[in-house]
Each structure stands twice: as C-alpha cells, then as structure tokens.
C-alpha atoms as a PDB file:
ATOM      1  CA  UNK A   1     -34.775 -34.069  -4.479  1.00  0.00           C
ATOM      2  CA  UNK A   2     -31.466 -34.383  -2.897  1.00  0.00           C
ATOM      3  CA  UNK A   3     -29.759 -32.626  -6.065  1.00  0.00           C
ATOM      4  CA  UNK A   4     -31.937 -29.506  -5.452  1.00  0.00           C
ATOM      5  CA  UNK A   5     -30.661 -29.338  -1.717  1.00  0.00           C
ATOM      6  CA  UNK A   6     -27.080 -29.659  -2.990  1.00  0.00           C
ATOM      7  CA  UNK A   7     -27.758 -26.948  -5.545  1.00  0.00           C
ATOM      8  CA  UNK A   8     -29.143 -24.515  -2.945  1.00  0.00           C
ATOM      9  CA  UNK A   9     -26.310 -25.252  -0.575  1.00  0.00           C
ATOM     10  CA  UNK A  10     -23.751 -24.545  -3.525  1.00  0.00           C
ATOM     11  CA  UNK A  11     -25.541 -21.417  -4.552  1.00  0.00           C
ATOM     12  CA  UNK A  12     -25.398 -20.343  -0.725  1.00  0.00           C
ATOM     13  CA  UNK A  13     -21.565 -21.067  -0.657  1.00  0.00           C
ATOM     14  CA  UNK A  14     -21.006 -19.114  -3.822  1.00  0.00           C
ATOM     15  CA  UNK A  15     -23.073 -16.116  -2.435  1.00  0.00           C
ATOM     16  CA  UNK A  16     -21.112 -15.837   0.699  1.00  0.00           C
ATOM     17  CA  UNK A  17     -17.838 -15.975  -1.085  1.00  0.00           C
ATOM     18  CA  UNK A  18     -19.330 -13.232  -3.304  1.00  0.00           C
ATOM     19  CA  UNK A  19     -20.290 -11.077  -0.426  1.00  0.00           C
ATOM     20  CA  UNK A  20     -16.939 -11.523   1.129  1.00  0.00           C
ATOM     21  CA  UNK A  21     -15.198 -10.413  -2.131  1.00  0.00           C
ATOM     22  CA  UNK A  22     -17.418  -7.485  -2.363  1.00  0.00           C
ATOM     23  CA  UNK A  23     -16.696  -6.425   1.330  1.00  0.00           C
ATOM     24  CA  UNK A  24     -13.013  -6.699   0.361  1.00  0.00           C
ATOM     25  CA  UNK A  25     -13.358  -4.546  -2.594  1.00  0.00           C
ATOM     26  CA  UNK A  26     -15.543  -1.819  -0.690  1.00  0.00           C
ATOM     27  CA  UNK A  27     -12.570  -1.771   2.093  1.00  0.00           C
ATOM     28  CA  UNK A  28     -10.076  -1.206  -0.755  1.00  0.00           C
ATOM     29  CA  UNK A  29     -12.267   1.307  -2.412  1.00  0.00           C
ATOM     30  CA  UNK A  30     -13.034   3.231   0.790  1.00  0.00           C
ATOM     31  CA  UNK A  31      -9.084   3.360   1.478  1.00  0.00           C
ATOM     32  CA  UNK A  32      -8.549   4.830  -1.868  1.00  0.00           C
ATOM     33  CA  UNK A  33     -11.230   7.277  -1.387  1.00  0.00           C
ATOM     34  CA  UNK A  34      -9.871   8.277   1.917  1.00  0.00           C
ATOM     35  CA  UNK A  35      -6.388   8.770   0.348  1.00  0.00           C
ATOM     36  CA  UNK A  36      -7.890  11.064  -2.431  1.00  0.00           C
ATOM     37  CA  UNK A  37      -9.745  13.012   0.140  1.00  0.00           C
ATOM     38  CA  UNK A  38      -6.636  13.595   2.446  1.00  0.00           C
ATOM     39  CA  UNK A  39      -4.926  15.093  -0.763  1.00  0.00           C
ATOM     40  CA  UNK A  40      -7.913  17.513  -1.045  1.00  0.00           C
ATOM     41  CA  UNK A  41      -7.581  18.399   2.534  1.00  0.00           C
ATOM     42  CA  UNK A  42      -3.616  19.099   2.380  1.00  0.00           C
ATOM     43  CA  UNK A  43      -4.236  21.093  -0.779  1.00  0.00           C
ATOM     44  CA  UNK A  44      -6.875  23.172   1.144  1.00  0.00           C
ATOM     45  CA  UNK A  45      -4.636  23.711   4.282  1.00  0.00           C
ATOM     46  CA  UNK A  46      -6.966  21.893   6.294  1.00  0.00           C
ATOM     47  CA  UNK A  47      -4.468  19.921   7.949  1.00  0.00           C
ATOM     48  CA  UNK A  48      -4.240  22.660  10.740  1.00  0.00           C
ATOM     49  CA  UNK A  49      -7.778  21.956  11.726  1.00  0.00           C
ATOM     50  CA  UNK A  50      -8.614  19.889  14.748  1.00  0.00           C
ATOM     51  CA  UNK A  51     -10.147  16.513  13.567  1.00  0.00           C
ATOM     52  CA  UNK A  52     -13.182  16.780  15.694  1.00  0.00           C
ATOM     53  CA  UNK A  53     -13.811  20.212  14.241  1.00  0.00           C
ATOM     54  CA  UNK A  54     -13.302  19.208  10.548  1.00  0.00           C
ATOM     55  CA  UNK A  55     -15.817  16.275  11.164  1.00  0.00           C
ATOM     56  CA  UNK A  56     -18.343  18.629  12.645  1.00  0.00           C
ATOM     57  CA  UNK A  57     -18.090  21.076   9.766  1.00  0.00           C
ATOM     58  CA  UNK A  58     -18.349  18.012   7.321  1.00  0.00           C
ATOM     59  CA  UNK A  59     -21.339  16.714   9.198  1.00  0.00           C
ATOM     60  CA  UNK A  60     -23.149  20.056   9.267  1.00  0.00           C
ATOM     61  CA  UNK A  61     -22.488  20.739   5.658  1.00  0.00           C
ATOM     62  CA  UNK A  62     -23.917  17.200   4.880  1.00  0.00           C
ATOM     63  CA  UNK A  63     -27.034  17.920   7.066  1.00  0.00           C
ATOM     64  CA  UNK A  64     -27.678  21.228   5.265  1.00  0.00           C
ATOM     65  CA  UNK A  65     -26.661  19.937   1.848  1.00  0.00           C
ATOM     66  CA  UNK A  66     -23.427  20.844   0.164  1.00  0.00           C
ATOM     67  CA  UNK A  67     -24.871  23.951  -1.926  1.00  0.00           C
ATOM     68  CA  UNK A  68     -26.753  25.255   0.877  1.00  0.00           C
ATOM     69  CA  UNK A  69     -23.639  25.157   3.130  1.00  0.00           C
ATOM     70  CA  UNK A  70     -21.566  26.825   0.318  1.00  0.00           C
ATOM     71  CA  UNK A  71     -24.072  29.550  -0.036  1.00  0.00           C
ATOM     72  CA  UNK A  72     -24.242  30.272   3.731  1.00  0.00           C
ATOM     73  CA  UNK A  73     -20.366  30.311   3.943  1.00  0.00           C
ATOM     74  CA  UNK A  74     -20.212  32.413   0.751  1.00  0.00           C
ATOM     75  CA  UNK A  75     -22.432  35.365   2.251  1.00  0.00           C
ATOM     76  CA  UNK A  76     -20.944  35.088   5.771  1.00  0.00           C
END
C-alpha cells in the first residue's frame, strides 16, 4: 500500500514539473508571437497609432469576426 502512495506522490511531482515547463514554453512562445506581430504592425505603419486605439480596433475586430470586420472596413 505504501508503494502506491509513493507512486501517486511521484506522479504529482512529475506533473507539477511538466506544468511548470509548459508554462515556461508558453511564455517563450507568446514572446515570439508578440515579436512577429510587432513586425507586422511596423510593416503596416501602425506604430503611429495610440496603443489604446489599436487595442480597441483589434478587440472590436475579434468580436465582429475578422472577415466581417474586413468586409465592413472595405465597404466604408
């Protein structure tokens, strides 16, 4: 019986280590994605926009759906 408790404890320790590693990988990937997106913004000339307005534009576009937002902007 003591063996199964040790196994469960070891599994929990491994799981926590894996979770921490996944969090570290996610952080690194998010930073890489942010760098990629910042390059796109610079290519588009968006560096002149106020960050709050850019955030609002992106949130609104995501709420509408990207295709719907593009269609609305194209017809405006």
